[in-house]
Amino acid sequence: MSIVLPTLAVAFAAFCIWLAVRIVNRRERWAKRTLAVMIVLPAMYVLSFGPACWISRRVQPSGEFVSIVYSPVIRVWIGGPHTIQNLISQFVRLGMAGGHAVIHVGYDVTFQ
């Protein structure tokens, strides 16, 4: 697994570069749309982490669904740079009612 993710990241970057070349050289519409989707979908995934935590806090306080679906975001939240950790923490707390906390034990998230 440690070799699969970097390989997929390199393949994703190479595909985006190939699309950019198609857009610049041939001005193809399908390439523009595909590149837009490839940029927007990961951004939407990351931005949906906060609302998923807010909803899960009310529906499923164990946070099991969020822990499974958003495990890459949680890994960055736990082990990433402090600036990114603070941004994610503030974003998650933004929709929480006062006095509620988000606890992460390992890579599991629990809401209290």
PDB file of N, CA and C in Angstrom:
ATOM      1  N   MET A   1       0.821  -1.196   0.000  1.00  0.00           N
ATOM      2  CA  MET A   1       0.000   0.000   0.000  1.00  0.00           C
ATOM      3  C   MET A   1       0.858   1.250   0.000  1.00  0.00           C
ATOM      4  N   SER A   2       2.066   1.144   0.567  1.00  0.00           N
ATOM      5  CA  SER A   2       2.923   2.324   0.641  1.00  0.00           C
ATOM      6  C   SER A   2       3.422   2.742  -0.733  1.00  0.00           C
ATOM      7  N   ILE A   3       3.417   1.863  -1.707  1.00  0.00           N
ATOM      8  CA  ILE A   3       3.862   2.231  -3.051  1.00  0.00           C
ATOM      9  C   ILE A   3       2.687   2.601  -3.954  1.00  0.00           C
ATOM     10  N   VAL A   4       1.487   2.139  -3.594  1.00  0.00           N
ATOM     11  CA  VAL A   4       0.311   2.370  -4.441  1.00  0.00           C
ATOM     12  C   VAL A   4      -0.100   3.839  -4.426  1.00  0.00           C
ATOM     13  N   LEU A   5      -0.192   4.445  -3.262  1.00  0.00           N
ATOM     14  CA  LEU A   5      -0.646   5.839  -3.186  1.00  0.00           C
ATOM     15  C   LEU A   5       0.291   6.814  -3.889  1.00  0.00           C
ATOM     16  N   PRO A   6       1.616   6.728  -3.692  1.00  0.00           N
ATOM     17  CA  PRO A   6       2.488   7.625  -4.457  1.00  0.00           C
ATOM     18  C   PRO A   6       2.401   7.397  -5.968  1.00  0.00           C
ATOM     19  N   THR A   7       2.228   6.153  -6.365  1.00  0.00           N
ATOM     20  CA  THR A   7       2.089   5.848  -7.792  1.00  0.00           C
ATOM     21  C   THR A   7       0.815   6.470  -8.351  1.00  0.00           C
ATOM     22  N   LEU A   8      -0.276   6.358  -7.604  1.00  0.00           N
ATOM     23  CA  LEU A   8      -1.529   6.976  -8.049  1.00  0.00           C
ATOM     24  C   LEU A   8      -1.424   8.500  -8.092  1.00  0.00           C
ATOM     25  N   ALA A   9      -0.708   9.083  -7.137  1.00  0.00           N
ATOM     26  CA  ALA A   9      -0.525  10.533  -7.126  1.00  0.00           C
ATOM     27  C   ALA A   9       0.271  10.994  -8.338  1.00  0.00           C
ATOM     28  N   VAL A  10       1.311  10.263  -8.683  1.00  0.00           N
ATOM     29  CA  VAL A  10       2.113  10.610  -9.864  1.00  0.00           C
ATOM     30  C   VAL A  10       1.292  10.433 -11.133  1.00  0.00           C
ATOM     31  N   ALA A  11       0.500   9.375 -11.207  1.00  0.00           N
ATOM     32  CA  ALA A  11      -0.349   9.149 -12.375  1.00  0.00           C
ATOM     33  C   ALA A  11      -1.398  10.257 -12.505  1.00  0.00           C
ATOM     34  N   PHE A  12      -1.973  10.677 -11.381  1.00  0.00           N
ATOM     35  CA  PHE A  12      -2.955  11.763 -11.400  1.00  0.00           C
ATOM     36  C   PHE A  12      -2.314  13.059 -11.898  1.00  0.00           C
ATOM     37  N   ALA A  13      -1.125  13.376 -11.387  1.00  0.00           N
ATOM     38  CA  ALA A  13      -0.425  14.591 -11.823  1.00  0.00           C
ATOM     39  C   ALA A  13      -0.067  14.511 -13.304  1.00  0.00           C
ATOM     40  N   ALA A  14       0.393  13.356 -13.758  1.00  0.00           N
ATOM     41  CA  ALA A  14       0.740  13.197 -15.176  1.00  0.00           C
ATOM     42  C   ALA A  14      -0.487  13.351 -16.058  1.00  0.00           C
ATOM     43  N   PHE A  15      -1.610  12.797 -15.633  1.00  0.00           N
ATOM     44  CA  PHE A  15      -2.845  12.936 -16.410  1.00  0.00           C
ATOM     45  C   PHE A  15      -3.296  14.393 -16.477  1.00  0.00           C
ATOM     46  N   CYS A  16      -3.179  15.124 -15.357  1.00  0.00           N
ATOM     47  CA  CYS A  16      -3.538  16.545 -15.358  1.00  0.00           C
ATOM     48  C   CYS A  16      -2.626  17.345 -16.288  1.00  0.00           C
ATOM     49  N   ILE A  17      -1.350  17.031 -16.298  1.00  0.00           N
ATOM     50  CA  ILE A  17      -0.416  17.718 -17.206  1.00  0.00           C
ATOM     51  C   ILE A  17      -0.754  17.393 -18.658  1.00  0.00           C
ATOM     52  N   TRP A  18      -1.054  16.130 -18.928  1.00  0.00           N
ATOM     53  CA  TRP A  18      -1.435  15.745 -20.284  1.00  0.00           C
ATOM     54  C   TRP A  18      -2.693  16.493 -20.731  1.00  0.00           C
ATOM     55  N   LEU A  19      -3.666  16.612 -19.841  1.00  0.00           N
ATOM     56  CA  LEU A  19      -4.872  17.366 -20.171  1.00  0.00           C
ATOM     57  C   LEU A  19      -4.559  18.839 -20.410  1.00  0.00           C
ATOM     58  N   ALA A  20      -3.690  19.399 -19.591  1.00  0.00           N
ATOM     59  CA  ALA A  20      -3.316  20.806 -19.775  1.00  0.00           C
ATOM     60  C   ALA A  20      -2.670  21.015 -21.132  1.00  0.00           C
ATOM     61  N   VAL A  21      -1.843  20.091 -21.559  1.00  0.00           N
ATOM     62  CA  VAL A  21      -1.226  20.190 -22.891  1.00  0.00           C
ATOM     63  C   VAL A  21      -2.295  20.092 -23.973  1.00  0.00           C
ATOM     64  N   ARG A  22      -3.259  19.199 -23.801  1.00  0.00           N
ATOM     65  CA  ARG A  22      -4.360  19.101 -24.783  1.00  0.00           C
ATOM     66  C   ARG A  22      -5.159  20.389 -24.852  1.00  0.00           C
ATOM     67  N   ILE A  23      -5.353  21.025 -23.699  1.00  0.00           N
ATOM     68  CA  ILE A  23      -6.118  22.272 -23.660  1.00  0.00           C
ATOM     69  C   ILE A  23      -5.342  23.383 -24.354  1.00  0.00           C
ATOM     70  N   VAL A  24      -4.062  23.498 -24.055  1.00  0.00           N
ATOM     71  CA  VAL A  24      -3.250  24.589 -24.621  1.00  0.00           C
ATOM     72  C   VAL A  24      -3.015  24.385 -26.109  1.00  0.00           C
ATOM     73  N   ASN A  25      -2.643  23.191 -26.506  1.00  0.00           N
ATOM     74  CA  ASN A  25      -2.281  22.955 -27.906  1.00  0.00           C
ATOM     75  C   ASN A  25      -3.476  22.801 -28.835  1.00  0.00           C
ATOM     76  N   ARG A  26      -4.487  22.099 -28.401  1.00  0.00           N
ATOM     77  CA  ARG A  26      -5.598  21.789 -29.300  1.00  0.00           C
ATOM     78  C   ARG A  26      -6.913  22.460 -28.933  1.00  0.00           C
ATOM     79  N   ARG A  27      -6.959  23.073 -27.777  1.00  0.00           N
ATOM     80  CA  ARG A  27      -8.163  23.779 -27.305  1.00  0.00           C
ATOM     81  C   ARG A  27      -9.427  22.900 -27.360  1.00  0.00           C
ATOM     82  N   GLU A  28      -9.288  21.704 -26.849  1.00  0.00           N
ATOM     83  CA  GLU A  28     -10.407  20.771 -26.869  1.00  0.00           C
ATOM     84  C   GLU A  28     -11.301  20.996 -25.655  1.00  0.00           C
ATOM     85  N   ARG A  29     -12.601  21.057 -25.911  1.00  0.00           N
ATOM     86  CA  ARG A  29     -13.561  21.302 -24.824  1.00  0.00           C
ATOM     87  C   ARG A  29     -13.622  20.170 -23.830  1.00  0.00           C
ATOM     88  N   TRP A  30     -13.596  18.942 -24.299  1.00  0.00           N
ATOM     89  CA  TRP A  30     -13.689  17.801 -23.393  1.00  0.00           C
ATOM     90  C   TRP A  30     -12.527  17.811 -22.415  1.00  0.00           C
ATOM     91  N   ALA A  31     -11.363  18.239 -22.866  1.00  0.00           N
ATOM     92  CA  ALA A  31     -10.205  18.281 -21.981  1.00  0.00           C
ATOM     93  C   ALA A  31     -10.387  19.353 -20.906  1.00  0.00           C
ATOM     94  N   LYS A  32     -10.970  20.476 -21.274  1.00  0.00           N
ATOM     95  CA  LYS A  32     -11.228  21.540 -20.292  1.00  0.00           C
ATOM     96  C   LYS A  32     -12.208  21.057 -19.235  1.00  0.00           C
ATOM     97  N   ARG A  33     -13.248  20.400 -19.670  1.00  0.00           N
ATOM     98  CA  ARG A  33     -14.256  19.912 -18.724  1.00  0.00           C
ATOM     99  C   ARG A  33     -13.686  18.817 -17.817  1.00  0.00           C
ATOM    100  N   THR A  34     -12.913  17.927 -18.393  1.00  0.00           N
ATOM    101  CA  THR A  34     -12.322  16.854 -17.610  1.00  0.00           C
ATOM    102  C   THR A  34     -11.362  17.404 -16.565  1.00  0.00           C
ATOM    103  N   LEU A  35     -10.532  18.365 -16.944  1.00  0.00           N
ATOM    104  CA  LEU A  35      -9.602  18.969 -15.999  1.00  0.00           C
ATOM    105  C   LEU A  35     -10.346  19.700 -14.888  1.00  0.00           C
ATOM    106  N   ALA A  36     -11.423  20.381 -15.239  1.00  0.00           N
ATOM    107  CA  ALA A  36     -12.223  21.071 -14.222  1.00  0.00           C
ATOM    108  C   ALA A  36     -12.807  20.074 -13.228  1.00  0.00           C
ATOM    109  N   VAL A  37     -13.319  18.960 -13.720  1.00  0.00           N
ATOM    110  CA  VAL A  37     -13.888  17.939 -12.838  1.00  0.00           C
ATOM    111  C   VAL A  37     -12.804  17.331 -11.950  1.00  0.00           C
ATOM    112  N   MET A  38     -11.626  17.110 -12.508  1.00  0.00           N
ATOM    113  CA  MET A  38     -10.542  16.504 -11.736  1.00  0.00           C
ATOM    114  C   MET A  38     -10.011  17.439 -10.656  1.00  0.00           C
ATOM    115  N   ILE A  39     -10.215  18.714 -10.810  1.00  0.00           N
ATOM    116  CA  ILE A  39      -9.797  19.670  -9.784  1.00  0.00           C
ATOM    117  C   ILE A  39     -10.911  19.894  -8.775  1.00  0.00           C
ATOM    118  N   VAL A  40     -12.143  19.963  -9.244  1.00  0.00           N
ATOM    119  CA  VAL A  40     -13.275  20.280  -8.371  1.00  0.00           C
ATOM    120  C   VAL A  40     -13.649  19.114  -7.459  1.00  0.00           C
ATOM    121  N   LEU A  41     -13.636  17.885  -7.951  1.00  0.00           N
ATOM    122  CA  LEU A  41     -14.059  16.743  -7.132  1.00  0.00           C
ATOM    123  C   LEU A  41     -13.201  16.542  -5.883  1.00  0.00           C
ATOM    124  N   PRO A  42     -11.871  16.547  -5.978  1.00  0.00           N
ATOM    125  CA  PRO A  42     -11.098  16.429  -4.730  1.00  0.00           C
ATOM    126  C   PRO A  42     -11.321  17.600  -3.779  1.00  0.00           C
ATOM    127  N   ALA A  43     -11.502  18.794  -4.334  1.00  0.00           N
ATOM    128  CA  ALA A  43     -11.761  19.956  -3.471  1.00  0.00           C
ATOM    129  C   ALA A  43     -13.103  19.796  -2.751  1.00  0.00           C
ATOM    130  N   MET A  44     -14.109  19.296  -3.455  1.00  0.00           N
ATOM    131  CA  MET A  44     -15.412  19.074  -2.830  1.00  0.00           C
ATOM    132  C   MET A  44     -15.329  17.997  -1.751  1.00  0.00           C
ATOM    133  N   TYR A  45     -14.513  16.977  -1.972  1.00  0.00           N
ATOM    134  CA  TYR A  45     -14.335  15.916  -0.974  1.00  0.00           C
ATOM    135  C   TYR A  45     -13.765  16.492   0.312  1.00  0.00           C
ATOM    136  N   VAL A  46     -12.719  17.289   0.195  1.00  0.00           N
ATOM    137  CA  VAL A  46     -12.088  17.871   1.381  1.00  0.00           C
ATOM    138  C   VAL A  46     -13.037  18.857   2.058  1.00  0.00           C
ATOM    139  N   LEU A  47     -13.721  19.683   1.275  1.00  0.00           N
ATOM    140  CA  LEU A  47     -14.628  20.673   1.862  1.00  0.00           C
ATOM    141  C   LEU A  47     -15.879  20.051   2.471  1.00  0.00           C
ATOM    142  N   SER A  48     -16.216  18.833   2.083  1.00  0.00           N
ATOM    143  CA  SER A  48     -17.398  18.193   2.663  1.00  0.00           C
ATOM    144  C   SER A  48     -17.096  17.525   4.002  1.00  0.00           C
ATOM    145  N   PHE A  49     -15.830  17.522   4.419  1.00  0.00           N
ATOM    146  CA  PHE A  49     -15.464  16.897   5.692  1.00  0.00           C
ATOM    147  C   PHE A  49     -16.121  17.604   6.870  1.00  0.00           C
ATOM    148  N   GLY A  50     -16.110  18.919   6.893  1.00  0.00           N
ATOM    149  CA  GLY A  50     -16.729  19.680   7.982  1.00  0.00           C
ATOM    150  C   GLY A  50     -18.221  19.401   8.110  1.00  0.00           C
ATOM    151  N   PRO A  51     -18.996  19.596   7.020  1.00  0.00           N
ATOM    152  CA  PRO A  51     -20.426  19.285   7.114  1.00  0.00           C
ATOM    153  C   PRO A  51     -20.711  17.824   7.467  1.00  0.00           C
ATOM    154  N   ALA A  52     -19.875  16.895   7.012  1.00  0.00           N
ATOM    155  CA  ALA A  52     -20.083  15.486   7.380  1.00  0.00           C
ATOM    156  C   ALA A  52     -19.900  15.296   8.881  1.00  0.00           C
ATOM    157  N   CYS A  53     -18.929  15.989   9.463  1.00  0.00           N
ATOM    158  CA  CYS A  53     -18.734  15.918  10.914  1.00  0.00           C
ATOM    159  C   CYS A  53     -19.921  16.526  11.649  1.00  0.00           C
ATOM    160  N   TRP A  54     -20.427  17.638  11.144  1.00  0.00           N
ATOM    161  CA  TRP A  54     -21.549  18.315  11.798  1.00  0.00           C
ATOM    162  C   TRP A  54     -22.783  17.420  11.784  1.00  0.00           C
ATOM    163  N   ILE A  55     -23.055  16.803  10.638  1.00  0.00           N
ATOM    164  CA  ILE A  55     -24.223  15.926  10.515  1.00  0.00           C
ATOM    165  C   ILE A  55     -24.019  14.659  11.355  1.00  0.00           C
ATOM    166  N   SER A  56     -22.839  14.091  11.267  1.00  0.00           N
ATOM    167  CA  SER A  56     -22.553  12.867  12.014  1.00  0.00           C
ATOM    168  C   SER A  56     -22.626  13.093  13.512  1.00  0.00           C
ATOM    169  N   ARG A  57     -22.274  14.266  13.969  1.00  0.00           N
ATOM    170  CA  ARG A  57     -22.327  14.584  15.389  1.00  0.00           C
ATOM    171  C   ARG A  57     -23.753  14.497  15.900  1.00  0.00           C
ATOM    172  N   ARG A  58     -24.711  14.865  15.060  1.00  0.00           N
ATOM    173  CA  ARG A  58     -26.111  14.840  15.462  1.00  0.00           C
ATOM    174  C   ARG A  58     -26.757  13.475  15.242  1.00  0.00           C
ATOM    175  N   VAL A  59     -26.347  12.763  14.193  1.00  0.00           N
ATOM    176  CA  VAL A  59     -26.983  11.506  13.823  1.00  0.00           C
ATOM    177  C   VAL A  59     -26.256  10.301  14.414  1.00  0.00           C
ATOM    178  N   GLN A  60     -24.924  10.299  14.310  1.00  0.00           N
ATOM    179  CA  GLN A  60     -24.139   9.149  14.749  1.00  0.00           C
ATOM    180  C   GLN A  60     -22.917   9.651  15.527  1.00  0.00           C
ATOM    181  N   PRO A  61     -23.068   9.907  16.825  1.00  0.00           N
ATOM    182  CA  PRO A  61     -21.972  10.476  17.606  1.00  0.00           C
ATOM    183  C   PRO A  61     -20.714   9.615  17.669  1.00  0.00           C
ATOM    184  N   SER A  62     -20.811   8.342  17.322  1.00  0.00           N
ATOM    185  CA  SER A  62     -19.608   7.504  17.344  1.00  0.00           C
ATOM    186  C   SER A  62     -18.627   7.923  16.253  1.00  0.00           C
ATOM    187  N   GLY A  63     -19.114   8.551  15.189  1.00  0.00           N
ATOM    188  CA  GLY A  63     -18.246   9.024  14.125  1.00  0.00           C
ATOM    189  C   GLY A  63     -17.683   7.927  13.251  1.00  0.00           C
ATOM    190  N   GLU A  64     -18.292   6.762  13.274  1.00  0.00           N
ATOM    191  CA  GLU A  64     -17.772   5.623  12.518  1.00  0.00           C
ATOM    192  C   GLU A  64     -17.776   5.878  11.011  1.00  0.00           C
ATOM    193  N   PHE A  65     -18.866   6.424  10.493  1.00  0.00           N
ATOM    194  CA  PHE A  65     -18.966   6.705   9.057  1.00  0.00           C
ATOM    195  C   PHE A  65     -17.911   7.714   8.627  1.00  0.00           C
ATOM    196  N   VAL A  66     -17.761   8.785   9.393  1.00  0.00           N
ATOM    197  CA  VAL A  66     -16.781   9.820   9.061  1.00  0.00           C
ATOM    198  C   VAL A  66     -15.379   9.242   9.121  1.00  0.00           C
ATOM    199  N   SER A  67     -15.106   8.400  10.098  1.00  0.00           N
ATOM    200  CA  SER A  67     -13.781   7.798  10.238  1.00  0.00           C
ATOM    201  C   SER A  67     -13.422   6.926   9.039  1.00  0.00           C
ATOM    202  N   ILE A  68     -14.414   6.264   8.474  1.00  0.00           N
ATOM    203  CA  ILE A  68     -14.154   5.386   7.335  1.00  0.00           C
ATOM    204  C   ILE A  68     -14.027   6.182   6.038  1.00  0.00           C
ATOM    205  N   VAL A  69     -14.997   7.029   5.760  1.00  0.00           N
ATOM    206  CA  VAL A  69     -15.038   7.731   4.473  1.00  0.00           C
ATOM    207  C   VAL A  69     -13.949   8.795   4.363  1.00  0.00           C
ATOM    208  N   TYR A  70     -13.664   9.470   5.448  1.00  0.00           N
ATOM    209  CA  TYR A  70     -12.720  10.588   5.401  1.00  0.00           C
ATOM    210  C   TYR A  70     -11.377  10.251   6.055  1.00  0.00           C
ATOM    211  N   SER A  71     -10.968   8.991   6.008  1.00  0.00           N
ATOM    212  CA  SER A  71      -9.697   8.617   6.642  1.00  0.00           C
ATOM    213  C   SER A  71      -8.489   9.361   6.071  1.00  0.00           C
ATOM    214  N   PRO A  72      -8.415   9.682   4.767  1.00  0.00           N
ATOM    215  CA  PRO A  72      -7.271  10.476   4.304  1.00  0.00           C
ATOM    216  C   PRO A  72      -7.233  11.875   4.918  1.00  0.00           C
ATOM    217  N   VAL A  73      -8.396  12.501   5.059  1.00  0.00           N
ATOM    218  CA  VAL A  73      -8.442  13.838   5.659  1.00  0.00           C
ATOM    219  C   VAL A  73      -8.077  13.752   7.140  1.00  0.00           C
ATOM    220  N   ILE A  74      -8.532  12.713   7.809  1.00  0.00           N
ATOM    221  CA  ILE A  74      -8.228  12.541   9.233  1.00  0.00           C
ATOM    222  C   ILE A  74      -6.736  12.303   9.431  1.00  0.00           C
ATOM    223  N   ARG A  75      -6.116  11.560   8.526  1.00  0.00           N
ATOM    224  CA  ARG A  75      -4.663  11.346   8.627  1.00  0.00           C
ATOM    225  C   ARG A  75      -3.904  12.659   8.521  1.00  0.00           C
ATOM    226  N   VAL A  76      -4.328  13.513   7.612  1.00  0.00           N
ATOM    227  CA  VAL A  76      -3.682  14.826   7.490  1.00  0.00           C
ATOM    228  C   VAL A  76      -3.970  15.657   8.734  1.00  0.00           C
ATOM    229  N   TRP A  77      -5.182  15.549   9.250  1.00  0.00           N
ATOM    230  CA  TRP A  77      -5.579  16.289  10.440  1.00  0.00           C
ATOM    231  C   TRP A  77      -4.706  15.892  11.638  1.00  0.00           C
ATOM    232  N   ILE A  78      -4.389  14.611  11.745  1.00  0.00           N
ATOM    233  CA  ILE A  78      -3.614  14.128  12.881  1.00  0.00           C
ATOM    234  C   ILE A  78      -2.116  14.307  12.664  1.00  0.00           C
ATOM    235  N   GLY A  79      -1.638  13.977  11.487  1.00  0.00           N
ATOM    236  CA  GLY A  79      -0.201  13.951  11.278  1.00  0.00           C
ATOM    237  C   GLY A  79       0.359  15.019  10.361  1.00  0.00           C
ATOM    238  N   GLY A  80      -0.465  15.933   9.908  1.00  0.00           N
ATOM    239  CA  GLY A  80       0.002  16.962   8.983  1.00  0.00           C
ATOM    240  C   GLY A  80       0.660  18.131   9.690  1.00  0.00           C
ATOM    241  N   PRO A  81       1.025  19.138   8.918  1.00  0.00           N
ATOM    242  CA  PRO A  81       1.611  20.348   9.515  1.00  0.00           C
ATOM    243  C   PRO A  81       0.620  21.028  10.460  1.00  0.00           C
ATOM    244  N   HIS A  82       1.148  21.737  11.458  1.00  0.00           N
ATOM    245  CA  HIS A  82       0.278  22.365  12.461  1.00  0.00           C
ATOM    246  C   HIS A  82      -0.698  23.359  11.839  1.00  0.00           C
ATOM    247  N   THR A  83      -0.281  24.058  10.811  1.00  0.00           N
ATOM    248  CA  THR A  83      -1.179  25.019  10.163  1.00  0.00           C
ATOM    249  C   THR A  83      -2.396  24.307   9.583  1.00  0.00           C
ATOM    250  N   ILE A  84      -2.168  23.197   8.901  1.00  0.00           N
ATOM    251  CA  ILE A  84      -3.262  22.429   8.307  1.00  0.00           C
ATOM    252  C   ILE A  84      -4.121  21.816   9.410  1.00  0.00           C
ATOM    253  N   GLN A  85      -3.491  21.311  10.471  1.00  0.00           N
ATOM    254  CA  GLN A  85      -4.245  20.751  11.593  1.00  0.00           C
ATOM    255  C   GLN A  85      -5.166  21.798  12.203  1.00  0.00           C
ATOM    256  N   ASN A  86      -4.661  23.001  12.394  1.00  0.00           N
ATOM    257  CA  ASN A  86      -5.478  24.073  12.972  1.00  0.00           C
ATOM    258  C   ASN A  86      -6.620  24.461  12.044  1.00  0.00           C
ATOM    259  N   LEU A  87      -6.357  24.534  10.742  1.00  0.00           N
ATOM    260  CA  LEU A  87      -7.424  24.875   9.788  1.00  0.00           C
ATOM    261  C   LEU A  87      -8.531  23.833   9.807  1.00  0.00           C
ATOM    262  N   ILE A  88      -8.155  22.563   9.797  1.00  0.00           N
ATOM    263  CA  ILE A  88      -9.168  21.505   9.810  1.00  0.00           C
ATOM    264  C   ILE A  88      -9.940  21.531  11.123  1.00  0.00           C
ATOM    265  N   SER A  89      -9.246  21.716  12.240  1.00  0.00           N
ATOM    266  CA  SER A  89      -9.924  21.770  13.536  1.00  0.00           C
ATOM    267  C   SER A  89     -10.915  22.926  13.603  1.00  0.00           C
ATOM    268  N   GLN A  90     -10.511  24.087  13.134  1.00  0.00           N
ATOM    269  CA  GLN A  90     -11.413  25.243  13.146  1.00  0.00           C
ATOM    270  C   GLN A  90     -12.607  25.017  12.223  1.00  0.00           C
ATOM    271  N   PHE A  91     -12.367  24.382  11.069  1.00  0.00           N
ATOM    272  CA  PHE A  91     -13.450  24.128  10.128  1.00  0.00           C
ATOM    273  C   PHE A  91     -14.460  23.148  10.705  1.00  0.00           C
ATOM    274  N   VAL A  92     -13.969  22.110  11.403  1.00  0.00           N
ATOM    275  CA  VAL A  92     -14.868  21.123  12.008  1.00  0.00           C
ATOM    276  C   VAL A  92     -15.659  21.761  13.144  1.00  0.00           C
ATOM    277  N   ARG A  93     -15.012  22.576  13.954  1.00  0.00           N
ATOM    278  CA  ARG A  93     -15.697  23.207  15.092  1.00  0.00           C
ATOM    279  C   ARG A  93     -16.658  24.308  14.661  1.00  0.00           C
ATOM    280  N   LEU A  94     -16.535  24.793  13.456  1.00  0.00           N
ATOM    281  CA  LEU A  94     -17.371  25.882  12.957  1.00  0.00           C
ATOM    282  C   LEU A  94     -18.863  25.548  13.051  1.00  0.00           C
ATOM    283  N   GLY A  95     -19.232  24.330  12.703  1.00  0.00           N
ATOM    284  CA  GLY A  95     -20.634  23.946  12.715  1.00  0.00           C
ATOM    285  C   GLY A  95     -21.079  23.211  13.956  1.00  0.00           C
ATOM    286  N   MET A  96     -20.183  23.025  14.912  1.00  0.00           N
ATOM    287  CA  MET A  96     -20.541  22.334  16.145  1.00  0.00           C
ATOM    288  C   MET A  96     -21.230  23.303  17.101  1.00  0.00           C
ATOM    289  N   ALA A  97     -22.173  22.774  17.819  1.00  0.00           N
ATOM    290  CA  ALA A  97     -22.829  23.584  18.843  1.00  0.00           C
ATOM    291  C   ALA A  97     -21.835  23.860  19.967  1.00  0.00           C
ATOM    292  N   GLY A  98     -22.058  24.906  20.712  1.00  0.00           N
ATOM    293  CA  GLY A  98     -21.150  25.281  21.785  1.00  0.00           C
ATOM    294  C   GLY A  98     -20.960  24.178  22.806  1.00  0.00           C
ATOM    295  N   GLY A  99     -19.724  23.989  23.231  1.00  0.00           N
ATOM    296  CA  GLY A  99     -19.427  23.000  24.258  1.00  0.00           C
ATOM    297  C   GLY A  99     -19.189  21.601  23.747  1.00  0.00           C
ATOM    298  N   HIS A 100     -19.331  21.376  22.445  1.00  0.00           N
ATOM    299  CA  HIS A 100     -19.100  20.046  21.897  1.00  0.00           C
ATOM    300  C   HIS A 100     -17.671  19.944  21.394  1.00  0.00           C
ATOM    301  N   ALA A 101     -17.117  18.775  21.524  1.00  0.00           N
ATOM    302  CA  ALA A 101     -15.729  18.559  21.138  1.00  0.00           C
ATOM    303  C   ALA A 101     -15.636  17.437  20.117  1.00  0.00           C
ATOM    304  N   VAL A 102     -14.555  17.463  19.353  1.00  0.00           N
ATOM    305  CA  VAL A 102     -14.239  16.412  18.409  1.00  0.00           C
ATOM    306  C   VAL A 102     -12.993  15.729  18.937  1.00  0.00           C
ATOM    307  N   ILE A 103     -13.075  14.437  19.136  1.00  0.00           N
ATOM    308  CA  ILE A 103     -11.960  13.687  19.689  1.00  0.00           C
ATOM    309  C   ILE A 103     -11.508  12.677  18.636  1.00  0.00           C
ATOM    310  N   HIS A 104     -10.226  12.652  18.356  1.00  0.00           N
ATOM    311  CA  HIS A 104      -9.731  11.623  17.454  1.00  0.00           C
ATOM    312  C   HIS A 104      -8.774  10.722  18.216  1.00  0.00           C
ATOM    313  N   VAL A 105      -9.120   9.441  18.203  1.00  0.00           N
ATOM    314  CA  VAL A 105      -8.310   8.418  18.862  1.00  0.00           C
ATOM    315  C   VAL A 105      -7.732   7.570  17.738  1.00  0.00           C
ATOM    316  N   GLY A 106      -6.445   7.671  17.538  1.00  0.00           N
ATOM    317  CA  GLY A 106      -5.850   7.010  16.378  1.00  0.00           C
ATOM    318  C   GLY A 106      -6.399   7.685  15.133  1.00  0.00           C
ATOM    319  N   TYR A 107      -7.032   6.907  14.281  1.00  0.00           N
ATOM    320  CA  TYR A 107      -7.646   7.478  13.084  1.00  0.00           C
ATOM    321  C   TYR A 107      -9.166   7.433  13.155  1.00  0.00           C
ATOM    322  N   ASP A 108      -9.725   7.288  14.347  1.00  0.00           N
ATOM    323  CA  ASP A 108     -11.166   7.298  14.550  1.00  0.00           C
ATOM    324  C   ASP A 108     -11.582   8.643  15.132  1.00  0.00           C
ATOM    325  N   VAL A 109     -12.732   9.132  14.707  1.00  0.00           N
ATOM    326  CA  VAL A 109     -13.253  10.406  15.194  1.00  0.00           C
ATOM    327  C   VAL A 109     -14.489  10.133  16.022  1.00  0.00           C
ATOM    328  N   THR A 110     -14.576  10.767  17.185  1.00  0.00           N
ATOM    329  CA  THR A 110     -15.740  10.648  18.057  1.00  0.00           C
ATOM    330  C   THR A 110     -16.198  12.051  18.413  1.00  0.00           C
ATOM    331  N   PHE A 111     -17.499  12.235  18.530  1.00  0.00           N
ATOM    332  CA  PHE A 111     -18.055  13.542  18.850  1.00  0.00           C
ATOM    333  C   PHE A 111     -18.659  13.519  20.251  1.00  0.00           C
ATOM    334  N   GLN A 112     -18.386  14.564  21.021  1.00  0.00           N
ATOM    335  CA  GLN A 112     -18.975  14.681  22.364  1.00  0.00           C
ATOM    336  C   GLN A 112     -19.555  16.042  22.541  1.00  0.00           C
TER     337      GLN A 112
END
